[in-house]
N, C-alpha and C. Protein backbone atom coordinates (compact mmCIF):
# COMPACT_ATOMS: atom_id res chain seq x y z
N MET A 1 0.84 -1.16 0.00
CA MET A 1 0.00 -0.01 0.00
C MET A 1 0.89 1.23 0.00
N SER A 2 0.66 2.14 -0.93
CA SER A 2 1.45 3.36 -0.97
C SER A 2 0.72 4.45 -0.23
N HIS A 3 1.48 5.29 0.42
CA HIS A 3 0.91 6.40 1.18
C HIS A 3 1.16 7.67 0.39
N LYS A 4 0.09 8.38 0.10
CA LYS A 4 0.19 9.64 -0.60
C LYS A 4 0.89 10.66 0.30
N SER A 5 1.72 11.47 -0.32
CA SER A 5 2.39 12.50 0.49
C SER A 5 2.16 13.87 -0.14
N LEU A 6 2.34 14.87 0.70
CA LEU A 6 2.23 16.25 0.28
C LEU A 6 3.60 16.90 0.41
N THR A 7 3.86 17.82 -0.47
CA THR A 7 5.08 18.60 -0.41
C THR A 7 4.71 20.05 -0.16
N PHE A 8 5.36 20.65 0.80
CA PHE A 8 5.14 22.05 1.11
C PHE A 8 6.39 22.79 0.61
N GLU A 9 6.19 23.87 -0.12
CA GLU A 9 7.30 24.67 -0.59
C GLU A 9 7.01 26.13 -0.31
N GLY A 10 8.00 26.81 0.23
CA GLY A 10 7.79 28.22 0.55
C GLY A 10 8.99 28.84 1.21
N ALA A 11 8.71 29.86 2.02
CA ALA A 11 9.78 30.62 2.68
C ALA A 11 10.68 29.72 3.52
N GLY A 12 10.12 28.64 4.08
CA GLY A 12 10.91 27.73 4.91
C GLY A 12 11.64 26.65 4.15
N GLY A 13 11.59 26.71 2.82
CA GLY A 13 12.23 25.67 2.01
C GLY A 13 11.24 24.65 1.57
N ARG A 14 11.52 23.40 1.90
CA ARG A 14 10.70 22.26 1.46
C ARG A 14 10.44 21.32 2.64
N TYR A 15 9.21 20.83 2.72
CA TYR A 15 8.83 19.91 3.80
C TYR A 15 7.89 18.88 3.19
N GLU A 16 8.06 17.60 3.54
CA GLU A 16 7.20 16.53 3.02
C GLU A 16 6.60 15.75 4.16
N VAL A 17 5.34 15.36 3.99
CA VAL A 17 4.63 14.60 5.01
C VAL A 17 3.53 13.78 4.32
N SER A 18 3.16 12.66 4.91
CA SER A 18 2.07 11.86 4.34
C SER A 18 0.76 12.61 4.55
N VAL A 19 -0.19 12.39 3.67
CA VAL A 19 -1.51 13.03 3.81
C VAL A 19 -2.13 12.65 5.15
N GLN A 20 -2.00 11.41 5.55
CA GLN A 20 -2.58 10.96 6.81
C GLN A 20 -1.95 11.68 8.00
N GLN A 21 -0.64 11.79 8.02
CA GLN A 21 0.02 12.49 9.13
C GLN A 21 -0.35 13.97 9.14
N TRP A 22 -0.43 14.59 7.97
CA TRP A 22 -0.81 16.00 7.88
C TRP A 22 -2.21 16.21 8.42
N ALA A 23 -3.13 15.33 8.06
CA ALA A 23 -4.50 15.43 8.56
C ALA A 23 -4.53 15.31 10.09
N GLU A 24 -3.74 14.40 10.63
CA GLU A 24 -3.69 14.21 12.09
C GLU A 24 -3.05 15.42 12.77
N MET A 25 -2.04 16.01 12.13
CA MET A 25 -1.40 17.20 12.67
C MET A 25 -2.41 18.38 12.65
N LEU A 26 -3.17 18.49 11.57
CA LEU A 26 -4.18 19.55 11.49
C LEU A 26 -5.20 19.44 12.62
N LEU A 27 -5.64 18.21 12.88
CA LEU A 27 -6.61 18.00 13.95
C LEU A 27 -6.02 18.38 15.32
N LEU A 28 -4.78 17.97 15.54
CA LEU A 28 -4.12 18.32 16.80
C LEU A 28 -4.00 19.84 16.94
N LEU A 29 -3.55 20.50 15.89
CA LEU A 29 -3.40 21.96 15.92
C LEU A 29 -4.75 22.64 16.17
N ASN A 30 -5.78 22.15 15.52
CA ASN A 30 -7.13 22.70 15.69
C ASN A 30 -7.57 22.52 17.15
N ASN A 31 -7.32 21.35 17.73
CA ASN A 31 -7.68 21.10 19.11
C ASN A 31 -6.92 21.97 20.09
N TRP A 32 -5.74 22.42 19.69
CA TRP A 32 -4.91 23.27 20.55
C TRP A 32 -5.11 24.76 20.28
N GLY A 33 -6.10 25.11 19.46
CA GLY A 33 -6.46 26.51 19.32
C GLY A 33 -6.10 27.18 18.01
N TRP A 34 -5.47 26.47 17.08
CA TRP A 34 -5.19 27.10 15.80
C TRP A 34 -6.50 27.37 15.10
N ARG A 35 -6.71 28.61 14.71
CA ARG A 35 -7.90 28.99 13.98
C ARG A 35 -7.49 29.38 12.58
N PRO A 36 -7.56 28.42 11.65
CA PRO A 36 -7.11 28.68 10.28
C PRO A 36 -8.00 29.70 9.56
N GLU A 37 -7.44 30.31 8.54
CA GLU A 37 -8.18 31.28 7.74
C GLU A 37 -9.26 30.61 6.90
N GLN A 38 -9.10 29.34 6.60
CA GLN A 38 -10.05 28.59 5.77
C GLN A 38 -10.61 27.43 6.59
N VAL A 39 -11.62 26.74 6.03
CA VAL A 39 -12.10 25.53 6.70
C VAL A 39 -10.96 24.51 6.73
N LEU A 40 -10.96 23.70 7.74
CA LEU A 40 -9.84 22.77 7.98
C LEU A 40 -9.56 21.86 6.77
N THR A 41 -10.61 21.35 6.15
CA THR A 41 -10.41 20.42 5.02
C THR A 41 -9.74 21.09 3.81
N TRP A 42 -9.81 22.39 3.73
CA TRP A 42 -9.17 23.14 2.62
C TRP A 42 -7.67 22.86 2.61
N TYR A 43 -7.08 22.64 3.78
CA TYR A 43 -5.64 22.43 3.91
C TYR A 43 -5.20 21.03 3.47
N LEU A 44 -6.16 20.20 3.07
CA LEU A 44 -5.82 18.87 2.56
C LEU A 44 -5.73 18.86 1.05
N ALA A 45 -6.12 19.94 0.41
CA ALA A 45 -6.11 20.03 -1.06
C ALA A 45 -4.72 20.40 -1.56
N THR A 46 -4.42 19.98 -2.78
CA THR A 46 -3.15 20.39 -3.39
C THR A 46 -3.36 21.70 -4.14
N GLY A 47 -2.28 22.44 -4.29
CA GLY A 47 -2.35 23.72 -4.95
C GLY A 47 -2.74 24.86 -4.02
N VAL A 48 -2.97 24.54 -2.77
CA VAL A 48 -3.38 25.53 -1.79
C VAL A 48 -2.18 26.38 -1.40
N LYS A 49 -2.41 27.69 -1.30
CA LYS A 49 -1.38 28.59 -0.80
C LYS A 49 -1.78 29.04 0.60
N VAL A 50 -0.92 28.78 1.55
CA VAL A 50 -1.16 29.16 2.95
C VAL A 50 -0.46 30.50 3.16
N SER A 51 -1.23 31.47 3.63
CA SER A 51 -0.69 32.83 3.80
C SER A 51 0.40 32.89 4.86
N ASP A 52 1.12 33.98 4.85
CA ASP A 52 2.18 34.21 5.82
C ASP A 52 1.60 34.22 7.24
N ALA A 53 0.52 34.96 7.44
CA ALA A 53 -0.10 35.05 8.76
C ALA A 53 -0.64 33.69 9.22
N ASP A 54 -1.28 32.96 8.33
CA ASP A 54 -1.83 31.67 8.67
C ASP A 54 -0.72 30.68 9.05
N SER A 55 0.35 30.70 8.28
CA SER A 55 1.49 29.82 8.53
C SER A 55 2.13 30.13 9.89
N LYS A 56 2.28 31.40 10.17
CA LYS A 56 2.91 31.79 11.46
C LYS A 56 1.99 31.50 12.63
N ASN A 57 0.68 31.63 12.45
CA ASN A 57 -0.26 31.25 13.51
C ASN A 57 -0.21 29.74 13.75
N LEU A 58 -0.09 28.96 12.67
CA LEU A 58 0.05 27.51 12.79
C LEU A 58 1.32 27.19 13.58
N ALA A 59 2.39 27.87 13.25
CA ALA A 59 3.67 27.63 13.94
C ALA A 59 3.58 27.98 15.42
N ALA A 60 2.90 29.08 15.75
CA ALA A 60 2.79 29.49 17.15
C ALA A 60 1.99 28.44 17.96
N THR A 61 0.91 27.95 17.36
CA THR A 61 0.13 26.92 18.03
C THR A 61 0.95 25.63 18.17
N GLY A 62 1.67 25.27 17.10
CA GLY A 62 2.54 24.10 17.15
C GLY A 62 3.60 24.21 18.22
N GLN A 63 4.15 25.40 18.40
CA GLN A 63 5.17 25.60 19.41
C GLN A 63 4.58 25.42 20.81
N ARG A 64 3.34 25.85 21.02
CA ARG A 64 2.69 25.61 22.31
C ARG A 64 2.54 24.12 22.58
N VAL A 65 2.19 23.37 21.53
CA VAL A 65 2.07 21.91 21.66
C VAL A 65 3.44 21.32 22.05
N LEU A 66 4.48 21.72 21.36
CA LEU A 66 5.82 21.20 21.64
C LEU A 66 6.29 21.56 23.05
N ASP A 67 6.05 22.81 23.45
CA ASP A 67 6.45 23.24 24.80
C ASP A 67 5.71 22.41 25.86
N THR A 68 4.42 22.18 25.63
CA THR A 68 3.63 21.41 26.58
C THR A 68 4.09 19.95 26.61
N ALA A 69 4.44 19.41 25.45
CA ALA A 69 4.90 18.00 25.38
C ALA A 69 6.14 17.79 26.23
N LEU A 70 6.99 18.81 26.33
CA LEU A 70 8.21 18.71 27.14
C LEU A 70 7.91 18.80 28.63
N LYS A 71 6.96 19.67 29.00
CA LYS A 71 6.64 19.91 30.41
C LYS A 71 5.64 18.92 30.97
N ASP A 72 4.65 18.52 30.14
CA ASP A 72 3.57 17.66 30.60
C ASP A 72 3.19 16.71 29.46
N PRO A 73 4.01 15.69 29.19
CA PRO A 73 3.76 14.81 28.04
C PRO A 73 2.36 14.22 27.99
N ALA A 74 1.77 13.94 29.13
CA ALA A 74 0.44 13.32 29.14
C ALA A 74 -0.62 14.25 28.57
N ALA A 75 -0.36 15.55 28.55
CA ALA A 75 -1.32 16.51 28.00
C ALA A 75 -1.34 16.47 26.47
N VAL A 76 -0.30 15.91 25.87
CA VAL A 76 -0.20 15.88 24.41
C VAL A 76 -0.28 14.46 23.86
N TYR A 77 0.43 13.54 24.49
CA TYR A 77 0.51 12.17 24.00
C TYR A 77 -0.68 11.36 24.47
N PRO A 78 -1.06 10.31 23.76
CA PRO A 78 -0.41 9.78 22.56
C PRO A 78 -0.84 10.53 21.30
N VAL A 79 0.06 10.60 20.35
CA VAL A 79 -0.22 11.09 19.01
C VAL A 79 0.16 10.00 18.03
N SER A 80 -0.43 10.02 16.87
CA SER A 80 -0.22 8.93 15.91
C SER A 80 0.80 9.31 14.82
N PHE A 81 1.60 10.33 15.10
CA PHE A 81 2.65 10.73 14.15
C PHE A 81 3.93 11.00 14.92
N ASP A 82 5.01 11.08 14.20
CA ASP A 82 6.32 11.33 14.77
C ASP A 82 6.44 12.79 15.19
N MET A 83 6.66 13.05 16.47
CA MET A 83 6.77 14.43 16.95
C MET A 83 8.00 15.14 16.40
N ALA A 84 9.02 14.41 16.00
CA ALA A 84 10.18 15.04 15.34
C ALA A 84 9.73 15.64 14.00
N LYS A 85 8.87 14.93 13.32
CA LYS A 85 8.31 15.43 12.04
C LYS A 85 7.45 16.65 12.31
N PHE A 86 6.69 16.63 13.40
CA PHE A 86 5.87 17.78 13.80
C PHE A 86 6.75 18.99 14.12
N TYR A 87 7.85 18.76 14.80
CA TYR A 87 8.80 19.83 15.12
C TYR A 87 9.29 20.48 13.82
N LEU A 88 9.62 19.66 12.83
CA LEU A 88 10.09 20.19 11.55
C LEU A 88 9.01 21.01 10.84
N LEU A 89 7.75 20.58 11.00
CA LEU A 89 6.63 21.35 10.44
C LEU A 89 6.56 22.72 11.09
N VAL A 90 6.64 22.75 12.41
CA VAL A 90 6.59 24.02 13.14
C VAL A 90 7.70 24.95 12.69
N GLU A 91 8.89 24.41 12.60
CA GLU A 91 10.05 25.17 12.15
C GLU A 91 9.84 25.71 10.73
N PHE A 92 9.32 24.86 9.85
CA PHE A 92 9.04 25.24 8.46
C PHE A 92 8.04 26.39 8.41
N CYS A 93 6.96 26.26 9.18
CA CYS A 93 5.86 27.25 9.16
C CYS A 93 6.27 28.58 9.76
N GLU A 94 7.21 28.57 10.68
CA GLU A 94 7.69 29.83 11.28
C GLU A 94 8.22 30.80 10.21
N ALA A 95 8.73 30.24 9.12
CA ALA A 95 9.32 31.05 8.06
C ALA A 95 8.29 31.82 7.23
N GLY A 96 7.04 31.33 7.21
CA GLY A 96 6.00 32.07 6.48
C GLY A 96 5.28 31.26 5.42
N ALA A 97 4.70 31.96 4.49
CA ALA A 97 3.79 31.39 3.47
C ALA A 97 4.39 30.19 2.75
N PHE A 98 3.47 29.28 2.34
CA PHE A 98 3.89 28.12 1.56
C PHE A 98 2.74 27.61 0.70
N ARG A 99 3.09 26.75 -0.25
CA ARG A 99 2.12 26.13 -1.14
C ARG A 99 2.21 24.60 -0.97
N LEU A 100 1.05 23.96 -1.00
CA LEU A 100 0.98 22.49 -0.89
C LEU A 100 0.85 21.88 -2.29
N SER A 101 1.59 20.82 -2.52
CA SER A 101 1.47 20.07 -3.77
C SER A 101 1.71 18.60 -3.51
N GLU A 102 1.36 17.78 -4.49
CA GLU A 102 1.61 16.33 -4.35
C GLU A 102 3.03 16.00 -4.72
């Protein structure tokens, strides 16, 4: 079984993640207070451009998740994706706007 992946390209360079992991990360971010500019499912489409403000808000929420995971792991875990990959997403998004593609 092949897993579809998404490629993010933008100010932060390039980042790749499986569609499933990205969807799970989006849900986690949403649960932790990220309020995206678009409906959540919009971020699963290819060709989407995520604005600078939206990307930085995503990164800020992601950083809160990471900080909490270090201080109180039970508040964040279990998650069904690699938190190292999530850290790289947060770092990527801190740089600003990006586009999603397959």
